[in-house]
Protein backbone atom coordinates (compact mmCIF):
# COMPACT_ATOMS: atom_id res chain seq x y z
CA MET A 1 -12.25 -32.79 9.25
CA GLN A 2 -15.11 -29.85 8.33
CA PHE A 3 -14.05 -26.57 6.66
CA ARG A 4 -16.17 -23.68 5.45
CA ILE A 5 -15.46 -23.57 1.65
CA PRO A 6 -17.32 -21.45 -0.39
CA GLU A 7 -19.98 -22.89 -2.81
CA GLU A 8 -18.59 -21.64 -6.18
CA VAL A 9 -15.05 -24.25 -5.34
CA THR A 10 -17.58 -26.77 -4.54
CA LYS A 11 -19.45 -26.98 -7.35
CA VAL A 12 -15.50 -26.93 -9.07
CA SER A 13 -14.63 -29.11 -7.49
CA GLY A 14 -17.88 -31.59 -7.69
CA GLY A 15 -18.44 -31.22 -11.03
CA LEU A 16 -14.59 -32.81 -11.88
CA ARG A 17 -16.09 -35.54 -9.72
CA SER A 18 -19.28 -36.27 -11.36
CA ALA A 19 -17.30 -36.61 -15.07
CA GLY A 20 -15.43 -38.74 -13.13
CA TYR A 21 -12.41 -37.54 -12.76
CA GLU A 22 -10.06 -36.87 -9.27
CA SER A 23 -9.78 -33.10 -7.78
CA TYR A 24 -8.57 -32.13 -4.66
CA LEU A 25 -8.06 -28.82 -2.92
CA VAL A 26 -4.31 -28.34 -2.71
CA GLY A 27 -1.64 -25.64 -2.11
CA GLY A 28 -1.90 -22.43 -0.11
CA CYS A 29 -5.98 -22.95 -0.09
CA VAL A 30 -5.45 -25.65 2.19
CA ARG A 31 -2.71 -24.63 4.08
CA ASP A 32 -4.83 -21.39 5.02
CA LEU A 33 -7.83 -23.67 5.80
CA LEU A 34 -5.80 -25.62 8.46
CA ILE A 35 -4.11 -22.21 10.19
CA GLY A 36 -7.84 -20.86 10.59
CA ARG A 37 -6.85 -18.33 8.15
CA GLU A 38 -9.53 -17.41 5.11
CA PRO A 39 -8.09 -18.08 1.56
CA LYS A 40 -7.75 -14.98 -0.84
CA ASP A 41 -7.75 -18.05 -3.73
CA TRP A 42 -8.60 -20.85 -3.98
CA ASP A 43 -6.79 -23.92 -6.55
CA VAL A 44 -7.93 -27.03 -7.57
CA THR A 45 -5.96 -30.02 -9.11
CA THR A 46 -7.16 -32.84 -11.04
CA ASN A 47 -6.08 -35.70 -13.31
CA ALA A 48 -8.26 -34.19 -16.16
CA THR A 49 -6.08 -32.83 -19.03
CA PRO A 50 -6.70 -28.85 -19.81
CA ASN A 51 -8.63 -29.72 -22.66
CA GLU A 52 -10.51 -31.89 -20.66
CA ILE A 53 -11.27 -29.75 -17.70
CA GLN A 54 -12.74 -27.04 -20.31
CA LYS A 55 -14.97 -29.68 -21.56
CA VAL A 56 -16.44 -30.57 -18.62
CA PHE A 57 -16.60 -26.05 -17.87
CA PRO A 58 -17.04 -24.40 -20.93
CA GLU A 59 -17.20 -20.90 -19.39
CA SER A 60 -13.36 -21.45 -18.94
CA PHE A 61 -10.20 -19.80 -20.20
CA TYR A 62 -7.06 -21.07 -20.77
CA GLU A 63 -3.85 -19.23 -20.91
CA ASN A 64 -0.49 -20.34 -19.71
CA ASP A 65 2.37 -23.06 -20.06
CA TYR A 66 1.59 -24.30 -16.84
CA GLY A 67 -2.31 -26.46 -17.88
CA THR A 68 -3.46 -23.88 -15.92
CA VAL A 69 -7.51 -23.28 -16.51
CA GLY A 70 -9.74 -20.42 -15.13
CA VAL A 71 -13.02 -21.46 -14.24
CA LYS A 72 -15.44 -18.48 -13.91
CA THR A 73 -18.19 -19.46 -11.67
CA GLY A 74 -20.17 -15.87 -12.08
CA SER A 75 -19.33 -14.63 -8.43
CA SER A 76 -19.54 -11.64 -7.61
CA ASP A 77 -16.95 -11.98 -5.01
CA SER A 78 -12.97 -11.17 -6.55
CA ARG A 79 -11.58 -14.64 -4.83
CA THR A 80 -14.24 -16.92 -6.03
CA GLU A 81 -14.46 -15.45 -9.29
CA ILE A 82 -12.22 -17.53 -11.15
CA ILE A 83 -11.32 -20.67 -9.82
CA GLU A 84 -7.97 -21.81 -11.03
CA VAL A 85 -7.76 -25.54 -12.12
CA THR A 86 -4.49 -27.13 -13.22
CA PRO A 87 -4.01 -30.75 -13.55
CA TYR A 88 -1.27 -32.94 -11.45
CA ARG A 89 2.20 -32.13 -12.95
CA LEU A 90 5.62 -33.15 -13.51
CA GLU A 91 7.95 -30.96 -14.28
CA SER A 92 11.43 -30.83 -16.28
CA GLU A 93 14.97 -29.47 -15.10
CA TYR A 94 14.50 -25.54 -14.27
CA SER A 95 18.17 -24.77 -16.74
CA ASP A 96 17.44 -21.03 -16.01
CA ARG A 97 16.25 -21.17 -11.93
CA ARG A 98 13.26 -19.78 -12.64
CA ARG A 99 11.17 -22.18 -14.74
CA PRO A 100 10.70 -25.54 -15.84
CA ASP A 101 12.05 -26.30 -19.64
CA THR A 102 8.83 -28.82 -19.59
CA VAL A 103 5.60 -29.11 -18.30
CA LYS A 104 4.47 -32.36 -18.56
CA PHE A 105 0.70 -33.51 -16.73
CA GLY A 106 1.39 -36.42 -13.97
CA THR A 107 -1.02 -39.00 -13.37
CA SER A 108 -0.91 -38.97 -9.36
CA LEU A 109 -1.53 -36.58 -6.51
CA PRO A 110 1.54 -37.53 -5.37
CA GLU A 111 3.93 -36.56 -8.45
CA ASP A 112 2.41 -33.27 -8.11
CA LEU A 113 2.97 -32.86 -3.95
CA ALA A 114 6.13 -33.96 -4.60
CA ARG A 115 7.25 -31.54 -7.14
CA ARG A 116 5.56 -28.35 -4.49
CA ASP A 117 7.98 -25.71 -2.73
CA PHE A 118 7.47 -25.87 0.90
CA THR A 119 5.63 -28.92 3.01
CA VAL A 120 2.71 -26.55 4.31
CA ASN A 121 1.91 -25.93 0.23
CA ALA A 122 2.30 -29.69 0.01
CA ILE A 123 -1.20 -30.45 1.39
CA ALA A 124 -4.37 -31.99 -0.59
CA LEU A 125 -8.07 -31.85 0.33
CA ASP A 126 -10.95 -33.66 -0.63
CA GLU A 127 -13.38 -31.62 0.87
CA ALA A 128 -16.12 -33.76 -0.75
CA LYS A 129 -14.83 -36.28 2.19
CA GLY A 130 -13.17 -34.36 4.64
CA GLN A 131 -9.99 -36.59 3.59
CA ILE A 132 -6.66 -34.84 4.01
CA VAL A 133 -3.36 -35.86 1.66
CA ASP A 134 -0.50 -35.24 3.33
CA PRO A 135 2.50 -36.73 2.25
CA TYR A 136 5.68 -34.53 3.66
CA GLU A 137 4.03 -33.85 7.72
CA GLY A 138 2.82 -30.15 6.22
CA GLN A 139 0.27 -30.73 9.23
CA LYS A 140 2.63 -30.97 11.73
CA ASP A 141 5.19 -27.88 10.13
CA ILE A 142 1.99 -25.98 10.63
CA LYS A 143 1.14 -26.87 14.29
CA ASP A 144 4.91 -26.00 14.49
CA ARG A 145 4.69 -22.68 12.57
CA MET A 146 7.34 -23.86 10.84
CA LEU A 147 8.43 -23.95 7.21
CA ARG A 148 10.80 -26.49 5.30
CA THR A 149 10.97 -27.35 1.59
CA VAL A 150 9.28 -30.51 0.10
CA GLY A 151 12.64 -33.13 0.31
CA ASP A 152 16.40 -31.68 -0.23
CA PRO A 153 16.27 -27.86 0.12
CA ASP A 154 19.32 -27.60 -2.58
CA GLU A 155 16.82 -29.03 -5.14
CA ARG A 156 13.64 -26.97 -4.51
CA PHE A 157 16.15 -23.47 -4.71
CA ASN A 158 18.03 -24.74 -7.65
CA GLU A 159 14.84 -25.03 -9.55
CA ASP A 160 12.86 -21.81 -9.30
CA ALA A 161 15.50 -19.32 -6.80
CA LEU A 162 12.38 -17.15 -5.61
CA ARG A 163 11.34 -19.75 -3.44
CA MET A 164 13.68 -18.43 -0.98
CA ILE A 165 12.11 -14.85 -1.33
CA ARG A 166 8.84 -16.77 -1.07
CA ALA A 167 10.28 -17.79 2.29
CA VAL A 168 10.56 -14.91 3.65
CA ARG A 169 7.55 -13.57 1.90
CA LEU A 170 5.69 -16.34 4.54
CA VAL A 171 7.55 -15.99 7.16
CA ALA A 172 6.23 -12.33 7.20
CA GLU A 173 2.47 -13.26 6.16
CA LEU A 174 2.07 -16.30 9.07
CA GLY A 175 4.65 -15.67 11.32
CA PHE A 176 6.43 -18.66 11.02
CA GLY A 177 9.89 -19.31 11.02
CA ILE A 178 12.27 -20.97 8.70
CA ASP A 179 13.97 -24.78 9.69
CA GLY A 180 18.08 -24.70 9.45
CA VAL A 181 18.81 -26.72 6.98
CA THR A 182 16.15 -25.15 4.70
CA ALA A 183 17.72 -21.18 6.25
CA THR A 184 21.46 -23.25 5.04
CA ALA A 185 20.43 -23.71 1.93
CA ILE A 186 18.64 -20.66 1.64
CA HIS A 187 22.24 -18.77 2.34
CA GLN A 188 24.27 -20.59 0.49
CA ASN A 189 22.02 -21.28 -2.95
CA SER A 190 21.49 -16.86 -2.46
CA LYS A 191 23.04 -16.21 -6.03
CA TYR A 192 21.11 -17.78 -7.90
CA LEU A 193 18.91 -14.91 -7.63
CA ARG A 194 20.34 -13.52 -10.05
CA HIS A 195 18.43 -14.78 -12.56
CA VAL A 196 15.08 -14.25 -11.57
CA SER A 197 13.22 -11.47 -13.37
CA ARG A 198 13.00 -7.97 -11.12
CA GLU A 199 8.74 -8.15 -11.61
CA ARG A 200 9.22 -10.96 -9.84
CA ILE A 201 10.82 -10.67 -6.69
CA ARG A 202 8.76 -7.15 -6.62
CA ASP A 203 5.75 -8.82 -6.44
CA GLU A 204 6.99 -10.84 -3.32
CA LEU A 205 8.29 -7.37 -1.77
CA VAL A 206 4.93 -6.35 -2.61
CA ARG A 207 3.38 -8.69 -0.47
CA ILE A 208 6.02 -8.69 2.29
CA LEU A 209 5.65 -4.87 2.62
CA LYS A 210 1.60 -5.48 2.86
CA SER A 211 2.41 -7.96 5.31
CA ASP A 212 2.04 -7.29 9.47
CA ARG A 213 6.01 -8.21 9.71
CA PRO A 214 7.75 -6.49 6.79
CA MET A 215 10.89 -5.00 9.56
CA GLU A 216 11.18 -8.94 10.69
CA ALA A 217 10.97 -10.54 7.04
CA LEU A 218 13.80 -7.66 5.62
CA LEU A 219 15.79 -8.58 8.57
CA LEU A 220 16.06 -12.02 8.05
CA CYS A 221 16.85 -11.08 4.63
CA ASN A 222 19.40 -9.72 5.37
CA GLN A 223 20.74 -12.65 7.79
CA LEU A 224 19.62 -15.26 4.77
CA ASN A 225 21.83 -13.06 2.41
CA ILE A 226 19.51 -12.37 0.15
CA LEU A 227 18.62 -8.68 1.03
CA GLU A 228 20.98 -7.45 -1.86
CA TYR A 229 18.38 -9.20 -4.57
CA ILE A 230 15.56 -7.14 -3.49
CA VAL A 231 16.31 -3.54 -1.73
CA PRO A 232 20.16 -3.23 -2.59
CA ASP A 233 20.02 0.34 -1.22
CA LEU A 234 19.29 -0.66 1.86
CA ILE A 235 22.38 -2.16 2.68
CA ARG A 236 24.52 0.72 2.50
CA GLY A 237 23.03 2.10 5.36
CA ILE A 238 23.77 -0.96 8.31
CA GLY A 239 26.15 0.15 10.28
CA ILE A 240 25.91 3.91 9.31
CA GLU A 241 25.86 6.02 12.78
CA GLN A 242 23.32 8.99 12.85
CA ASN A 243 22.85 12.23 14.83
CA GLN A 244 21.67 12.48 18.04
CA ALA A 245 18.37 12.99 17.41
CA HIS A 246 18.56 8.89 16.36
CA SER A 247 18.79 6.05 18.17
CA TYR A 248 19.53 3.50 15.36
CA ASP A 249 21.86 3.47 12.14
CA VAL A 250 20.16 4.18 9.13
CA PHE A 251 19.44 0.86 8.41
CA GLU A 252 17.12 0.30 11.58
CA HIS A 253 15.94 3.45 11.35
CA ASN A 254 14.47 2.94 7.35
CA LEU A 255 12.92 -0.41 8.72
CA ARG A 256 11.44 1.39 11.71
CA THR A 257 9.94 3.70 9.95
CA MET A 258 8.33 1.35 7.53
CA GLN A 259 7.38 -0.92 10.79
CA HIS A 260 5.32 1.61 11.86
CA ALA A 261 3.18 2.23 8.45
CA ALA A 262 2.51 -1.50 9.08
CA ASP A 263 1.55 -1.32 12.30
CA LYS A 264 -0.84 1.77 12.03
CA GLY A 265 -2.01 0.01 9.01
CA TRP A 266 -1.11 2.70 6.54
CA GLY A 267 -0.91 1.40 2.77
CA PHE A 268 0.95 0.23 0.88
CA ASP A 269 2.61 3.83 -0.37
CA VAL A 270 3.49 5.03 2.78
CA ARG A 271 5.56 1.89 3.58
CA LEU A 272 7.59 2.18 0.66
CA ALA A 273 8.30 5.39 1.16
CA GLY A 274 9.13 4.58 4.55
CA LEU A 275 11.24 1.84 3.19
CA TYR A 276 13.23 4.71 1.15
CA HIS A 277 12.97 8.00 2.90
CA ASP A 278 16.65 7.87 4.17
CA ILE A 279 18.26 5.78 1.58
CA SER A 280 20.62 8.44 0.60
CA LYS A 281 21.64 9.54 3.93
CA PRO A 282 25.09 6.80 3.53
CA GLU A 283 26.15 8.97 0.26
CA THR A 284 25.26 12.58 1.72
CA ARG A 285 26.64 12.13 5.13
CA ARG A 286 29.11 14.45 6.76
CA TRP A 287 30.59 15.80 10.02
CA SER A 288 30.08 18.94 11.41
CA ASP A 289 32.75 20.54 13.64
CA GLU A 290 30.29 23.23 13.89
CA LYS A 291 27.97 21.32 15.37
CA LYS A 292 29.87 18.43 16.54
CA ASP A 293 27.68 16.01 15.39
CA TRP A 294 26.97 14.17 11.55
CA THR A 295 24.23 15.98 9.09
CA PHE A 296 22.75 14.75 6.07
CA HIS A 297 22.16 17.89 3.63
CA GLY A 298 19.95 16.75 0.22
CA HIS A 299 19.66 13.54 1.02
CA ASP A 300 16.28 14.35 0.38
CA VAL A 301 17.27 15.46 -2.82
CA VAL A 302 19.69 12.57 -3.87
CA GLY A 303 17.10 10.08 -1.77
CA SER A 304 14.23 11.07 -4.08
CA ARG A 305 16.60 9.79 -7.25
CA VAL A 306 18.06 7.04 -5.99
CA THR A 307 14.34 5.94 -5.38
CA LYS A 308 12.85 6.79 -8.62
CA LYS A 309 15.92 4.20 -10.27
CA ALA A 310 15.30 1.36 -7.93
CA LEU A 311 11.46 1.52 -8.18
CA GLU A 312 11.67 1.86 -12.19
CA GLU A 313 14.67 -1.57 -11.76
CA LEU A 314 11.50 -3.06 -10.01
CA HIS A 315 9.51 -1.96 -12.87
CA PHE A 316 6.70 -0.70 -10.27
CA SER A 317 3.66 1.00 -11.96
CA ARG A 318 4.35 4.22 -13.11
CA GLU A 319 2.05 6.31 -10.26
CA THR A 320 3.71 4.41 -7.55
CA ILE A 321 6.98 5.70 -8.48
CA GLU A 322 5.85 9.03 -8.88
CA LYS A 323 4.11 9.46 -6.03
CA VAL A 324 6.61 7.43 -3.90
CA THR A 325 9.14 9.42 -5.37
CA LYS A 326 7.37 12.45 -3.84
CA LEU A 327 6.95 11.27 -0.45
CA VAL A 328 10.85 10.17 -0.11
CA ARG A 329 11.63 14.16 -1.80
CA TRP A 330 9.42 16.31 0.23
CA HIS A 331 9.50 14.19 3.69
CA MET A 332 11.94 16.79 5.28
CA PHE A 333 9.63 19.59 5.04
CA PHE A 334 10.18 22.47 7.64
CA SER A 335 7.37 22.00 10.08
CA ASP A 336 7.83 24.74 13.09
CA PRO A 337 4.83 25.83 13.76
CA ASP A 338 5.79 29.15 15.31
CA GLN A 339 7.88 29.92 12.07
CA VAL A 340 5.99 28.02 9.07
CA THR A 341 3.43 30.37 7.39
CA LEU A 342 0.16 28.91 5.66
CA SER A 343 1.53 30.09 2.18
CA ALA A 344 4.73 27.85 3.03
CA VAL A 345 2.19 24.90 4.11
CA ARG A 346 0.34 25.52 0.38
CA ARG A 347 3.41 25.37 -1.17
CA ILE A 348 4.35 22.12 0.19
CA ILE A 349 0.60 20.85 -0.78
CA THR A 350 1.35 21.96 -4.05
CA ASN A 351 4.77 20.21 -4.26
CA VAL A 352 3.37 16.98 -3.45
CA GLY A 353 0.05 17.41 -4.54
CA THR A 354 -3.13 17.50 -2.46
CA GLU A 355 -3.63 13.59 -2.71
CA ASN A 356 -0.30 12.57 -1.00
CA ILE A 357 -0.26 15.58 1.27
CA SER A 358 -2.12 13.03 3.93
CA ASP A 359 0.40 10.43 3.55
CA LEU A 360 3.44 13.24 3.68
CA LEU A 361 2.08 13.58 7.16
CA LYS A 362 2.07 9.55 7.77
CA LEU A 363 5.51 9.49 6.32
CA ARG A 364 6.61 12.11 9.12
CA VAL A 365 4.58 10.26 12.01
CA CYS A 366 6.77 6.90 10.79
CA ASP A 367 10.00 9.00 10.43
CA ARG A 368 9.69 10.19 14.29
CA ILE A 369 8.65 7.36 15.49
CA GLY A 370 11.76 5.47 13.56
CA THR A 371 14.32 7.45 15.39
CA GLY A 372 13.37 5.83 19.03
CA ARG A 373 11.35 8.75 20.25
CA PRO A 374 8.20 7.40 22.03
CA LYS A 375 5.52 10.48 21.08
CA GLU A 376 4.17 9.92 17.56
CA GLN A 377 2.18 13.08 17.09
CA PRO A 378 3.97 16.06 19.63
CA PHE A 379 2.37 19.38 19.65
CA ARG A 380 4.43 20.73 17.04
CA LEU A 381 3.33 17.78 14.43
CA ARG A 382 -0.17 17.99 15.48
CA LYS A 383 0.13 22.12 15.02
CA TYR A 384 1.51 21.57 11.42
CA MET A 385 -1.63 19.17 10.76
CA ALA A 386 -3.95 22.00 11.77
CA MET A 387 -2.55 24.34 9.32
CA VAL A 388 -2.74 21.61 6.27
CA ASP A 389 -6.42 21.27 6.94
CA GLN A 390 -6.75 25.36 6.98
CA ALA A 391 -4.99 25.15 4.19
CA LEU A 392 -6.87 22.97 2.37
CA ARG A 393 -10.35 24.18 3.18
CA ASP A 394 -12.29 25.84 0.93
CA PRO A 395 -12.34 29.73 2.09
CA ILE A 396 -15.31 31.14 3.14
CA SER A 397 -15.78 33.99 0.31
CA VAL A 398 -18.12 35.89 -2.07
CA ALA A 399 -16.39 32.90 -4.45
CA MET A 400 -18.80 30.39 -3.16
CA LEU A 401 -22.40 32.61 -4.21
CA LYS A 402 -23.55 31.66 -7.47
CA THR A 403 -23.53 34.71 -8.64
CA ASP A 404 -20.48 37.54 -9.58
CA GLY A 405 -20.03 40.84 -9.77
CA SER A 406 -19.68 40.43 -13.26
CA ARG A 407 -23.44 38.73 -13.36
CA ILE A 408 -24.98 41.56 -11.77
CA ILE A 409 -23.50 44.13 -13.58
CA GLU A 410 -24.73 42.82 -16.95
CA LYS A 411 -28.18 41.96 -15.47
CA PHE A 412 -29.35 44.68 -13.40
CA ASP A 413 -27.07 47.55 -15.63
CA GLU A 414 -24.96 48.62 -12.74
CA LYS A 415 -21.64 50.14 -12.72
CA PRO A 416 -18.69 48.73 -11.23
CA GLY A 417 -17.67 50.33 -7.91
CA PRO A 418 -18.00 49.31 -4.38
CA LYS A 419 -21.80 49.03 -4.18
CA ILE A 420 -21.23 45.98 -5.83
CA GLY A 421 -18.55 44.64 -3.31
CA PHE A 422 -21.20 45.47 -0.52
CA LEU A 423 -24.13 43.37 -2.52
CA LEU A 424 -21.95 40.58 -2.63
CA HIS A 425 -20.74 40.43 1.24
CA ALA A 426 -24.50 41.49 2.06
CA LEU A 427 -25.65 38.09 -0.09
CA LEU A 428 -23.20 36.35 1.68
CA GLU A 429 -24.39 36.52 5.46
CA GLU A 430 -27.65 35.03 3.95
CA VAL A 431 -26.25 31.84 2.18
CA LEU A 432 -24.40 31.74 5.46
CA ASP A 433 -27.48 31.93 7.97
CA ASP A 434 -29.22 29.42 5.11
CA PRO A 435 -27.00 27.55 2.44
CA GLN A 436 -30.16 26.62 0.94
CA ARG A 437 -30.73 30.26 -0.50
CA ASN A 438 -27.21 29.50 -2.62
CA THR A 439 -28.92 29.62 -6.11
CA GLU A 440 -29.57 32.01 -8.90
CA ASP A 441 -32.75 32.40 -8.48
CA TYR A 442 -32.83 33.53 -5.31
CA LEU A 443 -30.01 36.21 -5.55
CA ASP A 444 -31.10 37.47 -8.26
CA ASN A 445 -34.28 38.20 -6.47
CA ARG A 446 -32.56 39.46 -3.26
CA THR A 447 -30.16 41.48 -5.49
CA GLU A 448 -33.03 43.42 -7.62
CA GLU A 449 -34.39 43.92 -3.64
CA LEU A 450 -31.05 45.18 -1.86
CA LEU A 451 -29.95 47.49 -5.37
CA LYS A 452 -33.42 49.51 -4.17
CA LEU A 453 -31.64 50.81 -0.59
CA PRO A 454 -29.22 53.76 -0.38
CA GLU A 455 -26.11 52.48 -0.49
CA THR A 456 -25.47 53.76 3.16
CA GLU A 457 -27.79 51.21 4.06
CA LEU A 458 -26.28 48.56 1.72
CA LYS A 459 -22.47 49.50 3.02
CA LYS A 460 -23.84 48.60 6.27
CA LEU A 461 -25.28 45.15 5.44
CA GLY A 462 -22.23 44.28 3.68
CA GLU A 463 -20.02 45.51 6.42
CA ALA A 464 -22.19 43.06 8.88
CA GLY A 465 -22.00 40.16 6.01
CA LYS A 466 -17.78 40.65 6.22
CA LYS A 467 -18.07 39.89 9.85
CA ALA A 468 -20.10 37.67 9.31
CA ARG A 469 -17.73 35.70 7.54
CA GLU A 470 -15.14 36.31 9.93
CA ALA A 471 -16.93 35.28 12.52
CA LYS A 472 -17.58 31.57 10.58
CA GLU A 473 -13.81 31.62 8.97
CA ASP A 474 -12.85 31.96 13.41
CA GLU A 475 -15.02 29.23 14.14
CA GLU A 476 -13.67 26.71 11.33
CA VAL A 477 -10.38 27.16 12.78
CA ARG A 478 -11.69 26.83 15.74
CA GLN A 479 -12.63 23.38 15.14
CA ILE A 480 -9.74 22.32 13.04
CA MET A 481 -7.53 23.16 15.79
CA GLU A 482 -9.91 21.12 18.39
CA LYS A 483 -9.75 18.36 16.23
CA HIS A 484 -6.22 18.05 15.95
CA HIS A 485 -5.71 18.42 19.75
CA VAL A 486 -3.97 22.27 19.55
CA CYS A 487 -6.35 24.67 21.04
């Protein structure tokens, strides 16, 4: 079989063979090649020891307990800049269900493949010969789109409990199913996830949310009894009925909001905020006799605190925690364009940050779809988006000029007064006609000419400049409205 494999990879694998060692591509990269996906990274396994690998590749490093050597290729592509080469391994007991107690280097490929997690990851490829080694029928499972453990699933999950979440992550990334025996073992062994570090769980959650099917994956996590070890706060929303504006309970609404962000291809922060945005509706739900419906007053405020605590426990970066917490806190912003003012819009921008306002609007779109409403951008929301664009744009004013009143007063020995205002507006009109005129030299020369005019004439020019500014403002606003289809 022929595959497209980068030259950097074949040089590393071929270099090992030239030095007298065995060499195979292994794991996820082989699986992806067989599926027809482009691998994100490349792994090579060999019967050489770490020291022997480094002798073959002087430009390499060895900094872990598992024998993996990073070979520097000089590639500018991050996927092939470092090729990881790992000796065949034999692993001992996993007494903490997180990592092997000891790692011993094996002597054969079958020994190495026997220790791997799923059959689809236990396939090796000799790319030079086009030969595939597949002792556990991983190719068949790829064809059947099924995840199955190598050997006894109880043993595999007892060795490393994170493999249970990894199975769901592969479902999200590959669109595979999990075979019945493996799924039953996950459900029965889920309690061992309490031994896994929150950082490792976070990394799997990140990959789930970045996939195309995060909702499917987290629903599966709930069915397999492992969601409580990943996003436990979500579970509180199961069966929590909402008000008449919603078609789903709180749990499904959060998932659908997150999924719409994935469907749109929007960034990780919006997806994570979608997952948590209504996380505190269960504890803030109250029945209103007046409305004859449920209310959730303050769920955004309480939810931002819950989100912050949860993301801290998962050891997300400070930047991610701060941004997602802000998105959750302000996702209920008032958006009725018939009542909201530009100053109110500016306050929201100040609260969430100019750099985050776009994602806040995306979260509102996802939130709307998550309720079960078919239209993601009704007129009201489009009008609000237009107001945000107005608030964000630089206003047209004399402040745009490369001169100002203080400079004119000092440079031309003028007295403060209305005359300076007329002059600046007259200059602004000229700059609006030709922005290249907005230089200190041109404006100084033109100022000197205009100051020779009678004040009545200068006033006329200034008033004409004001009208030109207002016309320019109106045109920019019209273009913004047209952009959002709210003309």
